[in-house]
Amino acid sequence: MKSKLDEYIQHGVHGTPELKKEEKAIFLGEFKERVYSVITLDDVKSTEKREIFSKEIKAKAVDKIIVNEKVSDAIRLEYMIKAKEHDKDFKLIRSKSDLAVVLACKTAI
């Protein structure tokens, strides 16, 4: 078992360990438990699927809209406007994930 000093030194050298790093990489920086809904990069190109997805933004549980940087500027702007209209936080993330947009909550759902 590591002593407190060893643990302190490891944190200083390597940084504080990140919880569920792989999971957060998939969900644009969010824990799976906080994800309300997602749309993929392929689906975000469909106007019909975006309209269905956009209805979910209105849910009270949704606190923030996280958009992958890979999304086109026009679609990105669309979600920025929706975030402002519905008083949700907006975040743009650079990610290798196949998800385009994540709707997330403050707490687990």
C-alpha atoms as a PDB file:
ATOM      1  CA  MET A   1       0.000   0.000   0.000  1.00  0.00           C
ATOM      2  CA  LYS A   2       1.298   3.425  -0.932  1.00  0.00           C
ATOM      3  CA  SER A   3       2.039   5.928   1.743  1.00  0.00           C
ATOM      4  CA  LYS A   4       0.482   9.386   1.621  1.00  0.00           C
ATOM      5  CA  LEU A   5       3.878  10.839   0.665  1.00  0.00           C
ATOM      6  CA  ASP A   6       4.312   8.436  -2.280  1.00  0.00           C
ATOM      7  CA  GLU A   7       0.787   9.236  -3.437  1.00  0.00           C
ATOM      8  CA  TYR A   8       1.446  12.992  -3.125  1.00  0.00           C
ATOM      9  CA  ILE A   9       4.671  12.685  -5.153  1.00  0.00           C
ATOM     10  CA  GLN A  10       2.930  10.627  -7.874  1.00  0.00           C
ATOM     11  CA  HIS A  11       0.184  13.249  -8.168  1.00  0.00           C
ATOM     12  CA  GLY A  12       2.796  15.984  -8.412  1.00  0.00           C
ATOM     13  CA  VAL A  13       4.759  14.193 -11.142  1.00  0.00           C
ATOM     14  CA  HIS A  14       1.909  12.691 -13.191  1.00  0.00           C
ATOM     15  CA  GLY A  15      -1.042  14.870 -12.216  1.00  0.00           C
ATOM     16  CA  THR A  16      -4.202  13.846 -10.442  1.00  0.00           C
ATOM     17  CA  PRO A  17      -5.629  10.624 -11.875  1.00  0.00           C
ATOM     18  CA  GLU A  18      -8.693  11.199 -14.056  1.00  0.00           C
ATOM     19  CA  LEU A  19     -11.797   9.133 -13.417  1.00  0.00           C
ATOM     20  CA  LYS A  20     -13.273   7.161 -16.330  1.00  0.00           C
ATOM     21  CA  LYS A  21     -11.026   8.806 -18.922  1.00  0.00           C
ATOM     22  CA  GLU A  22     -12.115   6.497 -21.780  1.00  0.00           C
ATOM     23  CA  GLU A  23     -15.802   7.050 -21.028  1.00  0.00           C
ATOM     24  CA  LYS A  24     -15.358  10.819 -20.973  1.00  0.00           C
ATOM     25  CA  ALA A  25     -13.515  10.679 -24.307  1.00  0.00           C
ATOM     26  CA  ILE A  26     -16.531   9.007 -25.924  1.00  0.00           C
ATOM     27  CA  PHE A  27     -19.124  11.390 -24.469  1.00  0.00           C
ATOM     28  CA  LEU A  28     -17.281  14.668 -25.251  1.00  0.00           C
ATOM     29  CA  GLY A  29     -15.928  15.103 -21.735  1.00  0.00           C
ATOM     30  CA  GLU A  30     -19.010  13.964 -19.792  1.00  0.00           C
ATOM     31  CA  PHE A  31     -19.675  10.916 -17.657  1.00  0.00           C
ATOM     32  CA  LYS A  32     -22.173   8.496 -19.197  1.00  0.00           C
ATOM     33  CA  GLU A  33     -24.440   8.900 -16.141  1.00  0.00           C
ATOM     34  CA  ARG A  34     -24.927  12.599 -16.949  1.00  0.00           C
ATOM     35  CA  VAL A  35     -25.695  12.155 -20.646  1.00  0.00           C
ATOM     36  CA  TYR A  36     -29.341  12.839 -21.503  1.00  0.00           C
ATOM     37  CA  SER A  37     -29.115  12.307 -25.267  1.00  0.00           C
ATOM     38  CA  VAL A  38     -26.591  12.178 -28.130  1.00  0.00           C
ATOM     39  CA  ILE A  39     -26.530  12.511 -31.894  1.00  0.00           C
ATOM     40  CA  THR A  40     -23.771  11.077 -34.093  1.00  0.00           C
ATOM     41  CA  LEU A  41     -21.731  12.848 -36.747  1.00  0.00           C
ATOM     42  CA  ASP A  42     -23.628  10.944 -39.460  1.00  0.00           C
ATOM     43  CA  ASP A  43     -27.077  11.695 -38.013  1.00  0.00           C
ATOM     44  CA  VAL A  44     -26.402  15.392 -37.418  1.00  0.00           C
ATOM     45  CA  LYS A  45     -26.318  15.908 -41.195  1.00  0.00           C
ATOM     46  CA  SER A  46     -30.000  14.915 -41.415  1.00  0.00           C
ATOM     47  CA  THR A  47     -32.367  17.852 -40.892  1.00  0.00           C
ATOM     48  CA  GLU A  48     -35.130  15.475 -39.791  1.00  0.00           C
ATOM     49  CA  LYS A  49     -32.983  13.819 -37.122  1.00  0.00           C
ATOM     50  CA  ARG A  50     -31.708  17.208 -35.903  1.00  0.00           C
ATOM     51  CA  GLU A  51     -35.316  18.417 -35.487  1.00  0.00           C
ATOM     52  CA  ILE A  52     -36.198  15.375 -33.364  1.00  0.00           C
ATOM     53  CA  PHE A  53     -33.008  15.799 -31.334  1.00  0.00           C
ATOM     54  CA  SER A  54     -33.647  19.528 -30.884  1.00  0.00           C
ATOM     55  CA  LYS A  55     -36.922  18.826 -29.057  1.00  0.00           C
ATOM     56  CA  GLU A  56     -34.914  17.092 -26.344  1.00  0.00           C
ATOM     57  CA  ILE A  57     -32.956  20.293 -25.677  1.00  0.00           C
ATOM     58  CA  LYS A  58     -36.079  21.749 -24.057  1.00  0.00           C
ATOM     59  CA  ALA A  59     -36.038  19.149 -21.250  1.00  0.00           C
ATOM     60  CA  LYS A  60     -35.523  20.693 -17.812  1.00  0.00           C
ATOM     61  CA  ALA A  61     -32.915  18.067 -16.925  1.00  0.00           C
ATOM     62  CA  VAL A  62     -30.642  19.189 -19.766  1.00  0.00           C
ATOM     63  CA  ASP A  63     -28.096  21.674 -18.473  1.00  0.00           C
ATOM     64  CA  LYS A  64     -25.564  21.958 -21.286  1.00  0.00           C
ATOM     65  CA  ILE A  65     -25.054  21.331 -24.964  1.00  0.00           C
ATOM     66  CA  ILE A  66     -21.637  20.008 -25.943  1.00  0.00           C
ATOM     67  CA  VAL A  67     -20.713  20.087 -29.628  1.00  0.00           C
ATOM     68  CA  ASN A  68     -17.845  18.252 -31.292  1.00  0.00           C
ATOM     69  CA  GLU A  69     -15.510  20.546 -33.236  1.00  0.00           C
ATOM     70  CA  LYS A  70     -15.932  18.249 -36.277  1.00  0.00           C
ATOM     71  CA  VAL A  71     -19.501  19.539 -36.782  1.00  0.00           C
ATOM     72  CA  SER A  72     -19.935  22.076 -39.590  1.00  0.00           C
ATOM     73  CA  ASP A  73     -20.050  25.777 -38.714  1.00  0.00           C
ATOM     74  CA  ALA A  74     -23.709  26.096 -39.766  1.00  0.00           C
ATOM     75  CA  ILE A  75     -24.844  23.247 -37.500  1.00  0.00           C
ATOM     76  CA  ARG A  76     -22.588  24.467 -34.705  1.00  0.00           C
ATOM     77  CA  LEU A  77     -24.217  27.914 -34.923  1.00  0.00           C
ATOM     78  CA  GLU A  78     -27.670  26.275 -34.851  1.00  0.00           C
ATOM     79  CA  TYR A  79     -26.863  24.626 -31.504  1.00  0.00           C
ATOM     80  CA  MET A  80     -25.272  27.790 -30.111  1.00  0.00           C
ATOM     81  CA  ILE A  81     -28.505  29.646 -30.813  1.00  0.00           C
ATOM     82  CA  LYS A  82     -30.620  26.849 -29.283  1.00  0.00           C
ATOM     83  CA  ALA A  83     -28.426  26.905 -26.165  1.00  0.00           C
ATOM     84  CA  LYS A  84     -28.993  30.635 -25.791  1.00  0.00           C
ATOM     85  CA  GLU A  85     -32.751  30.374 -26.488  1.00  0.00           C
ATOM     86  CA  HIS A  86     -33.240  27.676 -23.851  1.00  0.00           C
ATOM     87  CA  ASP A  87     -30.752  29.094 -21.315  1.00  0.00           C
ATOM     88  CA  LYS A  88     -28.355  26.124 -21.534  1.00  0.00           C
ATOM     89  CA  ASP A  89     -24.575  26.204 -21.282  1.00  0.00           C
ATOM     90  CA  PHE A  90     -22.726  25.653 -24.560  1.00  0.00           C
ATOM     91  CA  LYS A  91     -19.331  24.020 -24.924  1.00  0.00           C
ATOM     92  CA  LEU A  92     -17.259  23.258 -28.022  1.00  0.00           C
ATOM     93  CA  ILE A  93     -14.942  20.239 -27.682  1.00  0.00           C
ATOM     94  CA  ARG A  94     -12.172  18.797 -29.854  1.00  0.00           C
ATOM     95  CA  SER A  95     -12.691  15.039 -29.785  1.00  0.00           C
ATOM     96  CA  LYS A  96     -12.011  11.882 -31.774  1.00  0.00           C
ATOM     97  CA  SER A  97     -15.472  10.635 -30.799  1.00  0.00           C
ATOM     98  CA  ASP A  98     -18.129   9.800 -33.415  1.00  0.00           C
ATOM     99  CA  LEU A  99     -20.648  11.863 -31.452  1.00  0.00           C
ATOM    100  CA  ALA A 100     -21.567  15.286 -32.813  1.00  0.00           C
ATOM    101  CA  VAL A 101     -23.651  16.692 -29.969  1.00  0.00           C
ATOM    102  CA  VAL A 102     -24.204  15.618 -26.374  1.00  0.00           C
ATOM    103  CA  LEU A 103     -26.984  16.919 -24.144  1.00  0.00           C
ATOM    104  CA  ALA A 104     -25.808  16.625 -20.546  1.00  0.00           C
ATOM    105  CA  CYS A 105     -27.197  17.159 -17.051  1.00  0.00           C
ATOM    106  CA  LYS A 106     -25.496  18.507 -13.935  1.00  0.00           C
ATOM    107  CA  THR A 107     -26.103  15.276 -12.068  1.00  0.00           C
ATOM    108  CA  ALA A 108     -26.580  11.629 -12.946  1.00  0.00           C
ATOM    109  CA  ILE A 109     -29.933  10.715 -14.481  1.00  0.00           C
END
